[in-house]
C-alpha cells in the first residue's frame, strides 16, 4: 500500500442513535462527535461524544498545562467526554487523541487591530 492510499477501516464503533439524541437534548449546541483511532494502524475507530469546554474548565486545565500537562489534559477529558469516558481514560492512545481533539474545540477567535 502506498503512502497516499488510506488504510481501510475494519471496525467502526458508533454511538447509538438514542444516546446521541438524549445527549443532544441535554447538551444542545455544545455537543460534538469525535472519531478516535483504536489502534496504531487506524483500522479501528470509535465514536465518542464530547462537549465544548466551558471557560471554567479551560481555566482549570490551563492552570496545570505548564507544571503538569497530564493533569491539565485529564481535566479537559474528564469534564468534556460524555460517552465512553472510562474507556478513554483507561487507554493512553484514546486519552491523548481525545485531549487533542477537545483542545481544538476551545472557541478561540482571532481578533484584529483597528485604527485609533
PDB file of N, CA and C in Angstrom:
ATOM      1  N   UNK A   1       0.849  -1.175   0.000  1.00  0.00           N
ATOM      2  CA  UNK A   1       0.000   0.000   0.000  1.00  0.00           C
ATOM      3  C   UNK A   1       0.894   1.238   0.000  1.00  0.00           C
ATOM      4  N   UNK A   2       0.645   2.151  -0.911  1.00  0.00           N
ATOM      5  CA  UNK A   2       1.452   3.368  -0.990  1.00  0.00           C
ATOM      6  C   UNK A   2       1.059   4.334   0.120  1.00  0.00           C
ATOM      7  N   UNK A   3       1.897   5.336   0.332  1.00  0.00           N
ATOM      8  CA  UNK A   3       1.635   6.308   1.390  1.00  0.00           C
ATOM      9  C   UNK A   3       0.401   7.156   1.113  1.00  0.00           C
ATOM     10  N   UNK A   4       0.005   7.270  -0.154  1.00  0.00           N
ATOM     11  CA  UNK A   4      -1.161   8.087  -0.486  1.00  0.00           C
ATOM     12  C   UNK A   4      -2.476   7.329  -0.309  1.00  0.00           C
ATOM     13  N   UNK A   5      -2.404   5.991  -0.276  1.00  0.00           N
ATOM     14  CA  UNK A   5      -3.617   5.200  -0.084  1.00  0.00           C
ATOM     15  C   UNK A   5      -3.990   5.182   1.384  1.00  0.00           C
ATOM     16  N   UNK A   6      -5.283   5.279   1.647  1.00  0.00           N
ATOM     17  CA  UNK A   6      -5.772   5.235   3.020  1.00  0.00           C
ATOM     18  C   UNK A   6      -5.957   3.787   3.452  1.00  0.00           C
ATOM     19  N   UNK A   7      -5.651   3.519   4.710  1.00  0.00           N
ATOM     20  CA  UNK A   7      -5.892   2.208   5.271  1.00  0.00           C
ATOM     21  C   UNK A   7      -7.396   2.046   5.447  1.00  0.00           C
ATOM     22  N   UNK A   8      -7.949   0.938   4.987  1.00  0.00           N
ATOM     23  CA  UNK A   8      -9.398   0.765   5.138  1.00  0.00           C
ATOM     24  C   UNK A   8      -9.786   0.575   6.607  1.00  0.00           C
ATOM     25  N   UNK A   9     -10.923   1.120   6.960  1.00  0.00           N
ATOM     26  CA  UNK A   9     -11.444   0.978   8.320  1.00  0.00           C
ATOM     27  C   UNK A   9     -12.092  -0.403   8.420  1.00  0.00           C
ATOM     28  N   UNK A  10     -11.579  -1.213   9.336  1.00  0.00           N
ATOM     29  CA  UNK A  10     -12.107  -2.557   9.517  1.00  0.00           C
ATOM     30  C   UNK A  10     -13.222  -2.591  10.559  1.00  0.00           C
ATOM     31  N   UNK A  11     -13.087  -1.764  11.594  1.00  0.00           N
ATOM     32  CA  UNK A  11     -14.059  -1.742  12.676  1.00  0.00           C
ATOM     33  C   UNK A  11     -14.393  -0.299  13.016  1.00  0.00           C
ATOM     34  N   UNK A  12     -15.674   0.004  13.097  1.00  0.00           N
ATOM     35  CA  UNK A  12     -16.125   1.332  13.489  1.00  0.00           C
ATOM     36  C   UNK A  12     -17.216   1.157  14.536  1.00  0.00           C
ATOM     37  N   UNK A  13     -16.991   1.727  15.713  1.00  0.00           N
ATOM     38  CA  UNK A  13     -17.948   1.611  16.801  1.00  0.00           C
ATOM     39  C   UNK A  13     -18.634   2.954  17.029  1.00  0.00           C
ATOM     40  N   UNK A  14     -19.814   3.145  16.432  1.00  0.00           N
ATOM     41  CA  UNK A  14     -20.525   4.418  16.593  1.00  0.00           C
ATOM     42  C   UNK A  14     -21.285   4.488  17.912  1.00  0.00           C
ATOM     43  N   UNK A  15     -21.634   5.706  18.293  1.00  0.00           N
ATOM     44  CA  UNK A  15     -22.523   5.921  19.442  1.00  0.00           C
ATOM     45  C   UNK A  15     -23.944   5.630  18.959  1.00  0.00           C
ATOM     46  N   UNK A  16     -24.705   4.937  19.769  1.00  0.00           N
ATOM     47  CA  UNK A  16     -26.089   4.599  19.414  1.00  0.00           C
ATOM     48  C   UNK A  16     -26.907   5.872  19.189  1.00  0.00           C
ATOM     49  N   UNK A  17     -27.799   5.833  18.225  1.00  0.00           N
ATOM     50  CA  UNK A  17     -28.615   7.000  17.872  1.00  0.00           C
ATOM     51  C   UNK A  17     -29.451   7.509  19.046  1.00  0.00           C
ATOM     52  N   UNK A  18     -29.981   6.583  19.856  1.00  0.00           N
ATOM     53  CA  UNK A  18     -30.785   7.031  21.001  1.00  0.00           C
ATOM     54  C   UNK A  18     -29.929   7.754  22.041  1.00  0.00           C
ATOM     55  N   UNK A  19     -28.656   7.354  22.165  1.00  0.00           N
ATOM     56  CA  UNK A  19     -27.743   8.046  23.079  1.00  0.00           C
ATOM     57  C   UNK A  19     -27.432   9.437  22.531  1.00  0.00           C
ATOM     58  N   UNK A  20     -27.181   9.511  21.218  1.00  0.00           N
ATOM     59  CA  UNK A  20     -26.916  10.813  20.585  1.00  0.00           C
ATOM     60  C   UNK A  20     -28.088  11.769  20.804  1.00  0.00           C
ATOM     61  N   UNK A  21     -29.290  11.253  20.618  1.00  0.00           N
ATOM     62  CA  UNK A  21     -30.479  12.091  20.770  1.00  0.00           C
ATOM     63  C   UNK A  21     -30.613  12.584  22.210  1.00  0.00           C
ATOM     64  N   UNK A  22     -30.411  11.690  23.176  1.00  0.00           N
ATOM     65  CA  UNK A  22     -30.517  12.064  24.590  1.00  0.00           C
ATOM     66  C   UNK A  22     -29.452  13.090  24.967  1.00  0.00           C
ATOM     67  N   UNK A  23     -28.233  12.891  24.488  1.00  0.00           N
ATOM     68  CA  UNK A  23     -27.142  13.817  24.801  1.00  0.00           C
ATOM     69  C   UNK A  23     -27.358  15.169  24.109  1.00  0.00           C
ATOM     70  N   UNK A  24     -27.943  15.144  22.911  1.00  0.00           N
ATOM     71  CA  UNK A  24     -28.237  16.388  22.189  1.00  0.00           C
ATOM     72  C   UNK A  24     -29.283  17.201  22.949  1.00  0.00           C
ATOM     73  N   UNK A  25     -30.281  16.517  23.500  1.00  0.00           N
ATOM     74  CA  UNK A  25     -31.301  17.207  24.302  1.00  0.00           C
ATOM     75  C   UNK A  25     -30.694  17.798  25.567  1.00  0.00           C
ATOM     76  N   UNK A  26     -29.748  17.085  26.161  1.00  0.00           N
ATOM     77  CA  UNK A  26     -29.133  17.537  27.408  1.00  0.00           C
ATOM     78  C   UNK A  26     -28.123  18.664  27.189  1.00  0.00           C
ATOM     79  N   UNK A  27     -27.285  18.563  26.134  1.00  0.00           N
ATOM     80  CA  UNK A  27     -26.176  19.499  25.948  1.00  0.00           C
ATOM     81  C   UNK A  27     -26.369  20.490  24.793  1.00  0.00           C
ATOM     82  N   UNK A  28     -27.340  20.255  23.934  1.00  0.00           N
ATOM     83  CA  UNK A  28     -27.640  21.190  22.844  1.00  0.00           C
ATOM     84  C   UNK A  28     -26.487  21.395  21.877  1.00  0.00           C
ATOM     85  N   UNK A  29     -26.241  22.660  21.523  1.00  0.00           N
ATOM     86  CA  UNK A  29     -25.239  23.013  20.516  1.00  0.00           C
ATOM     87  C   UNK A  29     -23.801  22.777  20.969  1.00  0.00           C
ATOM     88  N   UNK A  30     -23.608  22.491  22.229  1.00  0.00           N
ATOM     89  CA  UNK A  30     -22.258  22.266  22.764  1.00  0.00           C
ATOM     90  C   UNK A  30     -21.743  20.850  22.492  1.00  0.00           C
ATOM     91  N   UNK A  31     -22.619  19.960  22.016  1.00  0.00           N
ATOM     92  CA  UNK A  31     -22.266  18.560  21.807  1.00  0.00           C
ATOM     93  C   UNK A  31     -21.571  18.365  20.459  1.00  0.00           C
ATOM     94  N   UNK A  32     -20.512  17.561  20.459  1.00  0.00           N
ATOM     95  CA  UNK A  32     -19.780  17.242  19.229  1.00  0.00           C
ATOM     96  C   UNK A  32     -19.483  15.746  19.190  1.00  0.00           C
ATOM     97  N   UNK A  33     -19.405  15.208  17.988  1.00  0.00           N
ATOM     98  CA  UNK A  33     -18.992  13.829  17.758  1.00  0.00           C
ATOM     99  C   UNK A  33     -17.509  13.841  17.411  1.00  0.00           C
ATOM    100  N   UNK A  34     -16.751  12.931  18.016  1.00  0.00           N
ATOM    101  CA  UNK A  34     -15.316  12.821  17.758  1.00  0.00           C
ATOM    102  C   UNK A  34     -15.016  11.367  17.434  1.00  0.00           C
ATOM    103  N   UNK A  35     -14.253  11.138  16.377  1.00  0.00           N
ATOM    104  CA  UNK A  35     -13.852   9.795  15.964  1.00  0.00           C
ATOM    105  C   UNK A  35     -12.397   9.601  16.378  1.00  0.00           C
ATOM    106  N   UNK A  36     -12.137   8.559  17.163  1.00  0.00           N
ATOM    107  CA  UNK A  36     -10.788   8.292  17.657  1.00  0.00           C
ATOM    108  C   UNK A  36     -10.291   6.945  17.146  1.00  0.00           C
ATOM    109  N   UNK A  37      -9.003   6.834  16.823  1.00  0.00           N
ATOM    110  CA  UNK A  37      -8.451   5.540  16.391  1.00  0.00           C
ATOM    111  C   UNK A  37      -8.264   4.610  17.593  1.00  0.00           C
ATOM    112  N   UNK A  38      -8.638   3.354  17.430  1.00  0.00           N
ATOM    113  CA  UNK A  38      -8.475   2.364  18.492  1.00  0.00           C
ATOM    114  C   UNK A  38      -7.127   1.657  18.422  1.00  0.00           C
ATOM    115  N   UNK A  39      -6.465   1.751  17.265  1.00  0.00           N
ATOM    116  CA  UNK A  39      -5.164   1.102  17.135  1.00  0.00           C
ATOM    117  C   UNK A  39      -4.209   2.016  16.373  1.00  0.00           C
ATOM    118  N   UNK A  40      -2.940   1.657  16.369  1.00  0.00           N
ATOM    119  CA  UNK A  40      -1.919   2.486  15.730  1.00  0.00           C
ATOM    120  C   UNK A  40      -2.060   2.536  14.212  1.00  0.00           C
ATOM    121  N   UNK A  41      -2.653   1.520  13.635  1.00  0.00           N
ATOM    122  CA  UNK A  41      -2.832   1.481  12.183  1.00  0.00           C
ATOM    123  C   UNK A  41      -4.063   2.259  11.732  1.00  0.00           C
ATOM    124  N   UNK A  42      -4.881   2.705  12.664  1.00  0.00           N
ATOM    125  CA  UNK A  42      -6.119   3.435  12.398  1.00  0.00           C
ATOM    126  C   UNK A  42      -7.088   2.623  11.542  1.00  0.00           C
ATOM    127  N   UNK A  43      -7.086   1.299  11.747  1.00  0.00           N
ATOM    128  CA  UNK A  43      -8.043   0.451  11.042  1.00  0.00           C
ATOM    129  C   UNK A  43      -9.295   0.216  11.880  1.00  0.00           C
ATOM    130  N   UNK A  44      -9.235   0.626  13.143  1.00  0.00           N
ATOM    131  CA  UNK A  44     -10.379   0.508  14.037  1.00  0.00           C
ATOM    132  C   UNK A  44     -10.619   1.870  14.664  1.00  0.00           C
ATOM    133  N   UNK A  45     -11.885   2.273  14.704  1.00  0.00           N
ATOM    134  CA  UNK A  45     -12.232   3.592  15.244  1.00  0.00           C
ATOM    135  C   UNK A  45     -13.430   3.489  16.171  1.00  0.00           C
ATOM    136  N   UNK A  46     -13.493   4.446  17.074  1.00  0.00           N
ATOM    137  CA  UNK A  46     -14.627   4.554  17.981  1.00  0.00           C
ATOM    138  C   UNK A  46     -15.131   6.003  17.940  1.00  0.00           C
ATOM    139  N   UNK A  47     -16.427   6.154  17.971  1.00  0.00           N
ATOM    140  CA  UNK A  47     -17.022   7.482  18.053  1.00  0.00           C
ATOM    141  C   UNK A  47     -17.351   7.760  19.510  1.00  0.00           C
ATOM    142  N   UNK A  48     -16.992   8.951  19.980  1.00  0.00           N
ATOM    143  CA  UNK A  48     -17.386   9.387  21.318  1.00  0.00           C
ATOM    144  C   UNK A  48     -18.074  10.739  21.183  1.00  0.00           C
ATOM    145  N   UNK A  49     -18.828  11.090  22.189  1.00  0.00           N
ATOM    146  CA  UNK A  49     -19.450  12.407  22.216  1.00  0.00           C
ATOM    147  C   UNK A  49     -18.759  13.241  23.279  1.00  0.00           C
ATOM    148  N   UNK A  50     -18.483  14.481  22.930  1.00  0.00           N
ATOM    149  CA  UNK A  50     -17.841  15.414  23.846  1.00  0.00           C
ATOM    150  C   UNK A  50     -18.603  16.726  23.819  1.00  0.00           C
ATOM    151  N   UNK A  51     -18.401  17.519  24.864  1.00  0.00           N
ATOM    152  CA  UNK A  51     -18.977  18.860  24.868  1.00  0.00           C
ATOM    153  C   UNK A  51     -17.846  19.877  24.767  1.00  0.00           C
ATOM    154  N   UNK A  52     -18.144  20.998  24.157  1.00  0.00           N
ATOM    155  CA  UNK A  52     -17.168  22.077  24.044  1.00  0.00           C
ATOM    156  C   UNK A  52     -16.829  22.547  25.451  1.00  0.00           C
ATOM    157  N   UNK A  53     -15.544  22.652  25.778  1.00  0.00           N
ATOM    158  CA  UNK A  53     -15.178  23.043  27.141  1.00  0.00           C
ATOM    159  C   UNK A  53     -15.644  24.455  27.497  1.00  0.00           C
ATOM    160  N   UNK A  54     -16.170  24.582  28.706  1.00  0.00           N
ATOM    161  CA  UNK A  54     -16.577  25.890  29.210  1.00  0.00           C
ATOM    162  C   UNK A  54     -15.347  26.659  29.677  1.00  0.00           C
ATOM    163  N   UNK A  55     -15.490  27.938  29.838  1.00  0.00           N
ATOM    164  CA  UNK A  55     -14.386  28.806  30.257  1.00  0.00           C
ATOM    165  C   UNK A  55     -13.760  28.331  31.568  1.00  0.00           C
ATOM    166  N   UNK A  56     -14.588  27.926  32.520  1.00  0.00           N
ATOM    167  CA  UNK A  56     -14.058  27.486  33.821  1.00  0.00           C
ATOM    168  C   UNK A  56     -13.214  26.218  33.676  1.00  0.00           C
ATOM    169  N   UNK A  57     -13.640  25.298  32.809  1.00  0.00           N
ATOM    170  CA  UNK A  57     -12.880  24.067  32.586  1.00  0.00           C
ATOM    171  C   UNK A  57     -11.557  24.385  31.897  1.00  0.00           C
ATOM    172  N   UNK A  58     -11.593  25.253  30.897  1.00  0.00           N
ATOM    173  CA  UNK A  58     -10.361  25.652  30.207  1.00  0.00           C
ATOM    174  C   UNK A  58      -9.411  26.323  31.194  1.00  0.00           C
ATOM    175  N   UNK A  59      -9.942  27.174  32.064  1.00  0.00           N
ATOM    176  CA  UNK A  59      -9.112  27.852  33.054  1.00  0.00           C
ATOM    177  C   UNK A  59      -8.456  26.875  34.010  1.00  0.00           C
ATOM    178  N   UNK A  60      -9.217  25.899  34.499  1.00  0.00           N
ATOM    179  CA  UNK A  60      -8.660  24.884  35.391  1.00  0.00           C
ATOM    180  C   UNK A  60      -7.567  24.094  34.680  1.00  0.00           C
ATOM    181  N   UNK A  61      -7.836  23.729  33.440  1.00  0.00           N
ATOM    182  CA  UNK A  61      -6.883  22.951  32.654  1.00  0.00           C
ATOM    183  C   UNK A  61      -5.593  23.725  32.401  1.00  0.00           C
ATOM    184  N   UNK A  62      -5.732  24.985  32.004  1.00  0.00           N
ATOM    185  CA  UNK A  62      -4.555  25.793  31.662  1.00  0.00           C
ATOM    186  C   UNK A  62      -3.684  26.077  32.886  1.00  0.00           C
ATOM    187  N   UNK A  63      -4.286  26.053  34.057  1.00  0.00           N
ATOM    188  CA  UNK A  63      -3.532  26.287  35.287  1.00  0.00           C
ATOM    189  C   UNK A  63      -2.422  25.236  35.442  1.00  0.00           C
ATOM    190  N   UNK A  64      -2.653  24.036  34.910  1.00  0.00           N
ATOM    191  CA  UNK A  64      -1.699  22.938  35.069  1.00  0.00           C
ATOM    192  C   UNK A  64      -0.878  22.640  33.813  1.00  0.00           C
ATOM    193  N   UNK A  65      -1.190  23.233  32.677  1.00  0.00           N
ATOM    194  CA  UNK A  65      -0.541  22.856  31.428  1.00  0.00           C
ATOM    195  C   UNK A  65       0.988  23.014  31.451  1.00  0.00           C
ATOM    196  N   UNK A  66       1.513  24.016  32.129  1.00  0.00           N
ATOM    197  CA  UNK A  66       2.969  24.179  32.185  1.00  0.00           C
ATOM    198  C   UNK A  66       3.608  23.294  33.247  1.00  0.00           C
ATOM    199  N   UNK A  67       2.991  23.183  34.414  1.00  0.00           N
ATOM    200  CA  UNK A  67       3.594  22.432  35.513  1.00  0.00           C
ATOM    201  C   UNK A  67       3.277  20.938  35.469  1.00  0.00           C
ATOM    202  N   UNK A  68       2.086  20.560  35.016  1.00  0.00           N
ATOM    203  CA  UNK A  68       1.665  19.159  34.987  1.00  0.00           C
ATOM    204  C   UNK A  68       0.695  18.952  33.816  1.00  0.00           C
ATOM    205  N   UNK A  69       1.243  18.869  32.589  1.00  0.00           N
ATOM    206  CA  UNK A  69       0.377  18.783  31.397  1.00  0.00           C
ATOM    207  C   UNK A  69      -0.630  17.630  31.447  1.00  0.00           C
ATOM    208  N   UNK A  70      -0.214  16.487  31.999  1.00  0.00           N
ATOM    209  CA  UNK A  70      -1.134  15.349  32.069  1.00  0.00           C
ATOM    210  C   UNK A  70      -2.361  15.697  32.900  1.00  0.00           C
ATOM    211  N   UNK A  71      -2.168  16.389  34.005  1.00  0.00           N
ATOM    212  CA  UNK A  71      -3.301  16.784  34.850  1.00  0.00           C
ATOM    213  C   UNK A  71      -4.200  17.775  34.104  1.00  0.00           C
ATOM    214  N   UNK A  72      -3.600  18.693  33.362  1.00  0.00           N
ATOM    215  CA  UNK A  72      -4.383  19.635  32.574  1.00  0.00           C
ATOM    216  C   UNK A  72      -5.233  18.933  31.527  1.00  0.00           C
ATOM    217  N   UNK A  73      -4.640  17.934  30.867  1.00  0.00           N
ATOM    218  CA  UNK A  73      -5.390  17.167  29.871  1.00  0.00           C
ATOM    219  C   UNK A  73      -6.488  16.338  30.533  1.00  0.00           C
ATOM    220  N   UNK A  74      -6.194  15.771  31.707  1.00  0.00           N
ATOM    221  CA  UNK A  74      -7.202  14.986  32.419  1.00  0.00           C
ATOM    222  C   UNK A  74      -8.415  15.837  32.782  1.00  0.00           C
ATOM    223  N   UNK A  75      -8.177  17.078  33.147  1.00  0.00           N
ATOM    224  CA  UNK A  75      -9.292  17.981  33.473  1.00  0.00           C
ATOM    225  C   UNK A  75     -10.186  18.166  32.246  1.00  0.00           C
ATOM    226  N   UNK A  76      -9.581  18.369  31.085  1.00  0.00           N
ATOM    227  CA  UNK A  76     -10.368  18.514  29.853  1.00  0.00           C
ATOM    228  C   UNK A  76     -11.162  17.255  29.548  1.00  0.00           C
ATOM    229  N   UNK A  77     -10.484  16.105  29.568  1.00  0.00           N
ATOM    230  CA  UNK A  77     -11.143  14.849  29.205  1.00  0.00           C
ATOM    231  C   UNK A  77     -12.251  14.507  30.194  1.00  0.00           C
ATOM    232  N   UNK A  78     -11.986  14.595  31.476  1.00  0.00           N
ATOM    233  CA  UNK A  78     -12.995  14.243  32.489  1.00  0.00           C
ATOM    234  C   UNK A  78     -14.232  15.142  32.415  1.00  0.00           C
ATOM    235  N   UNK A  79     -14.035  16.402  32.081  1.00  0.00           N
ATOM    236  CA  UNK A  79     -15.153  17.350  32.059  1.00  0.00           C
ATOM    237  C   UNK A  79     -15.871  17.432  30.720  1.00  0.00           C
ATOM    238  N   UNK A  80     -15.259  16.939  29.652  1.00  0.00           N
ATOM    239  CA  UNK A  80     -15.849  17.128  28.322  1.00  0.00           C
ATOM    240  C   UNK A  80     -16.339  15.849  27.651  1.00  0.00           C
ATOM    241  N   UNK A  81     -15.744  14.702  27.944  1.00  0.00           N
ATOM    242  CA  UNK A  81     -16.184  13.448  27.329  1.00  0.00           C
ATOM    243  C   UNK A  81     -17.459  13.001  28.025  1.00  0.00           C
ATOM    244  N   UNK A  82     -18.495  12.705  27.232  1.00  0.00           N
ATOM    245  CA  UNK A  82     -19.776  12.297  27.823  1.00  0.00           C
ATOM    246  C   UNK A  82     -20.158  10.847  27.510  1.00  0.00           C
ATOM    247  N   UNK A  83     -19.459  10.196  26.581  1.00  0.00           N
ATOM    248  CA  UNK A  83     -19.695   8.771  26.320  1.00  0.00           C
ATOM    249  C   UNK A  83     -18.345   8.051  26.347  1.00  0.00           C
ATOM    250  N   UNK A  84     -18.329   6.840  26.832  1.00  0.00           N
ATOM    251  CA  UNK A  84     -17.124   6.001  26.902  1.00  0.00           C
ATOM    252  C   UNK A  84     -15.977   6.660  27.669  1.00  0.00           C
ATOM    253  N   UNK A  85     -16.298   7.451  28.669  1.00  0.00           N
ATOM    254  CA  UNK A  85     -15.259   8.167  29.439  1.00  0.00           C
ATOM    255  C   UNK A  85     -14.272   7.204  30.094  1.00  0.00           C
ATOM    256  N   UNK A  86     -14.772   6.114  30.687  1.00  0.00           N
ATOM    257  CA  UNK A  86     -13.886   5.166  31.355  1.00  0.00           C
ATOM    258  C   UNK A  86     -12.922   4.530  30.366  1.00  0.00           C
ATOM    259  N   UNK A  87     -13.425   4.190  29.203  1.00  0.00           N
ATOM    260  CA  UNK A  87     -12.574   3.577  28.173  1.00  0.00           C
ATOM    261  C   UNK A  87     -11.501   4.556  27.715  1.00  0.00           C
ATOM    262  N   UNK A  88     -11.871   5.791  27.509  1.00  0.00           N
ATOM    263  CA  UNK A  88     -10.913   6.812  27.078  1.00  0.00           C
ATOM    264  C   UNK A  88      -9.861   7.042  28.157  1.00  0.00           C
ATOM    265  N   UNK A  89     -10.276   7.133  29.403  1.00  0.00           N
ATOM    266  CA  UNK A  89      -9.335   7.375  30.493  1.00  0.00           C
ATOM    267  C   UNK A  89      -8.386   6.193  30.709  1.00  0.00           C
ATOM    268  N   UNK A  90      -8.814   4.991  30.388  1.00  0.00           N
ATOM    269  CA  UNK A  90      -8.009   3.790  30.625  1.00  0.00           C
ATOM    270  C   UNK A  90      -6.993   3.510  29.519  1.00  0.00           C
ATOM    271  N   UNK A  91      -7.144   4.095  28.355  1.00  0.00           N
ATOM    272  CA  UNK A  91      -6.278   3.806  27.212  1.00  0.00           C
ATOM    273  C   UNK A  91      -5.486   5.057  26.844  1.00  0.00           C
ATOM    274  N   UNK A  92      -4.164   4.984  26.918  1.00  0.00           N
ATOM    275  CA  UNK A  92      -3.323   6.157  26.645  1.00  0.00           C
ATOM    276  C   UNK A  92      -3.565   6.736  25.249  1.00  0.00           C
ATOM    277  N   UNK A  93      -3.669   5.873  24.240  1.00  0.00           N
ATOM    278  CA  UNK A  93      -3.880   6.360  22.878  1.00  0.00           C
ATOM    279  C   UNK A  93      -5.190   7.112  22.737  1.00  0.00           C
ATOM    280  N   UNK A  94      -6.256   6.543  23.289  1.00  0.00           N
ATOM    281  CA  UNK A  94      -7.561   7.206  23.241  1.00  0.00           C
ATOM    282  C   UNK A  94      -7.536   8.497  24.050  1.00  0.00           C
ATOM    283  N   UNK A  95      -6.884   8.450  25.211  1.00  0.00           N
ATOM    284  CA  UNK A  95      -6.820   9.620  26.081  1.00  0.00           C
ATOM    285  C   UNK A  95      -6.153  10.800  25.373  1.00  0.00           C
ATOM    286  N   UNK A  96      -4.964  10.573  24.812  1.00  0.00           N
ATOM    287  CA  UNK A  96      -4.244  11.673  24.166  1.00  0.00           C
ATOM    288  C   UNK A  96      -4.948  12.156  22.902  1.00  0.00           C
ATOM    289  N   UNK A  97      -5.569  11.227  22.165  1.00  0.00           N
ATOM    290  CA  UNK A  97      -6.325  11.629  20.979  1.00  0.00           C
ATOM    291  C   UNK A  97      -7.522  12.488  21.374  1.00  0.00           C
ATOM    292  N   UNK A  98      -8.234  12.065  22.422  1.00  0.00           N
ATOM    293  CA  UNK A  98      -9.401  12.833  22.889  1.00  0.00           C
ATOM    294  C   UNK A  98      -8.974  14.200  23.409  1.00  0.00           C
ATOM    295  N   UNK A  99      -7.897  14.250  24.189  1.00  0.00           N
ATOM    296  CA  UNK A  99      -7.424  15.524  24.732  1.00  0.00           C
ATOM    297  C   UNK A  99      -7.068  16.488  23.600  1.00  0.00           C
ATOM    298  N   UNK A 100      -6.410  15.986  22.566  1.00  0.00           N
ATOM    299  CA  UNK A 100      -6.056  16.833  21.426  1.00  0.00           C
ATOM    300  C   UNK A 100      -7.276  17.361  20.687  1.00  0.00           C
ATOM    301  N   UNK A 101      -8.256  16.502  20.493  1.00  0.00           N
ATOM    302  CA  UNK A 101      -9.476  16.926  19.799  1.00  0.00           C
ATOM    303  C   UNK A 101     -10.265  17.934  20.626  1.00  0.00           C
ATOM    304  N   UNK A 102     -10.341  17.717  21.926  1.00  0.00           N
ATOM    305  CA  UNK A 102     -11.066  18.655  22.791  1.00  0.00           C
ATOM    306  C   UNK A 102     -10.378  20.009  22.783  1.00  0.00           C
ATOM    307  N   UNK A 103      -9.055  20.006  22.801  1.00  0.00           N
ATOM    308  CA  UNK A 103      -8.304  21.261  22.749  1.00  0.00           C
ATOM    309  C   UNK A 103      -8.657  22.053  21.492  1.00  0.00           C
ATOM    310  N   UNK A 104      -8.866  21.353  20.385  1.00  0.00           N
ATOM    311  CA  UNK A 104      -9.244  22.029  19.141  1.00  0.00           C
ATOM    312  C   UNK A 104     -10.645  22.624  19.209  1.00  0.00           C
ATOM    313  N   UNK A 105     -11.468  22.137  20.114  1.00  0.00           N
ATOM    314  CA  UNK A 105     -12.837  22.655  20.250  1.00  0.00           C
ATOM    315  C   UNK A 105     -12.926  23.942  21.063  1.00  0.00           C
ATOM    316  N   UNK A 106     -11.842  24.295  21.758  1.00  0.00           N
ATOM    317  CA  UNK A 106     -11.865  25.510  22.563  1.00  0.00           C
ATOM    318  C   UNK A 106     -12.136  26.691  21.638  1.00  0.00           C
ATOM    319  N   UNK A 107     -13.198  27.432  21.898  1.00  0.00           N
ATOM    320  CA  UNK A 107     -13.576  28.509  20.982  1.00  0.00           C
ATOM    321  C   UNK A 107     -12.631  29.710  21.082  1.00  0.00           C
ATOM    322  N   UNK A 108     -11.724  29.800  20.134  1.00  0.00           N
ATOM    323  CA  UNK A 108     -10.775  30.906  20.096  1.00  0.00           C
ATOM    324  C   UNK A 108     -11.002  31.659  18.793  1.00  0.00           C
ATOM    325  N   UNK A 109     -11.304  32.927  18.913  1.00  0.00           N
ATOM    326  CA  UNK A 109     -11.485  33.768  17.731  1.00  0.00           C
ATOM    327  C   UNK A 109     -10.240  34.635  17.559  1.00  0.00           C
ATOM    328  N   UNK A 110      -9.948  34.944  16.344  1.00  0.00           N
ATOM    329  CA  UNK A 110      -8.798  35.785  16.043  1.00  0.00           C
ATOM    330  C   UNK A 110      -9.254  37.235  15.952  1.00  0.00           C
ATOM    331  N   UNK A 111      -8.673  38.078  16.785  1.00  0.00           N
ATOM    332  CA  UNK A 111      -9.009  39.494  16.745  1.00  0.00           C
ATOM    333  C   UNK A 111      -8.111  40.219  15.748  1.00  0.00           C
ATOM    334  N   UNK A 112      -8.374  41.484  15.559  1.00  0.00           N
ATOM    335  CA  UNK A 112      -7.525  42.303  14.706  1.00  0.00           C
ATOM    336  C   UNK A 112      -7.474  43.702  15.286  1.00  0.00           C
ATOM    337  N   UNK A 113      -6.471  44.431  14.910  1.00  0.00           N
ATOM    338  CA  UNK A 113      -6.291  45.774  15.420  1.00  0.00           C
ATOM    339  C   UNK A 113      -7.009  46.774  14.533  1.00  0.00           C
ATOM    340  N   UNK A 114      -7.604  47.783  15.163  1.00  0.00           N
ATOM    341  CA  UNK A 114      -8.248  48.856  14.425  1.00  0.00           C
ATOM    342  C   UNK A 114      -7.389  50.124  14.488  1.00  0.00           C
ATOM    343  N   UNK A 115      -7.805  51.134  13.798  1.00  0.00           N
ATOM    344  CA  UNK A 115      -7.089  52.418  13.809  1.00  0.00           C
ATOM    345  C   UNK A 115      -7.584  53.270  14.960  1.00  0.00           C
ATOM    346  N   UNK A 116      -6.687  54.027  15.529  1.00  0.00           N
ATOM    347  CA  UNK A 116      -7.034  54.925  16.649  1.00  0.00           C
ATOM    348  C   UNK A 116      -7.134  56.332  16.121  1.00  0.00           C
TER     349      UNK A 116
END
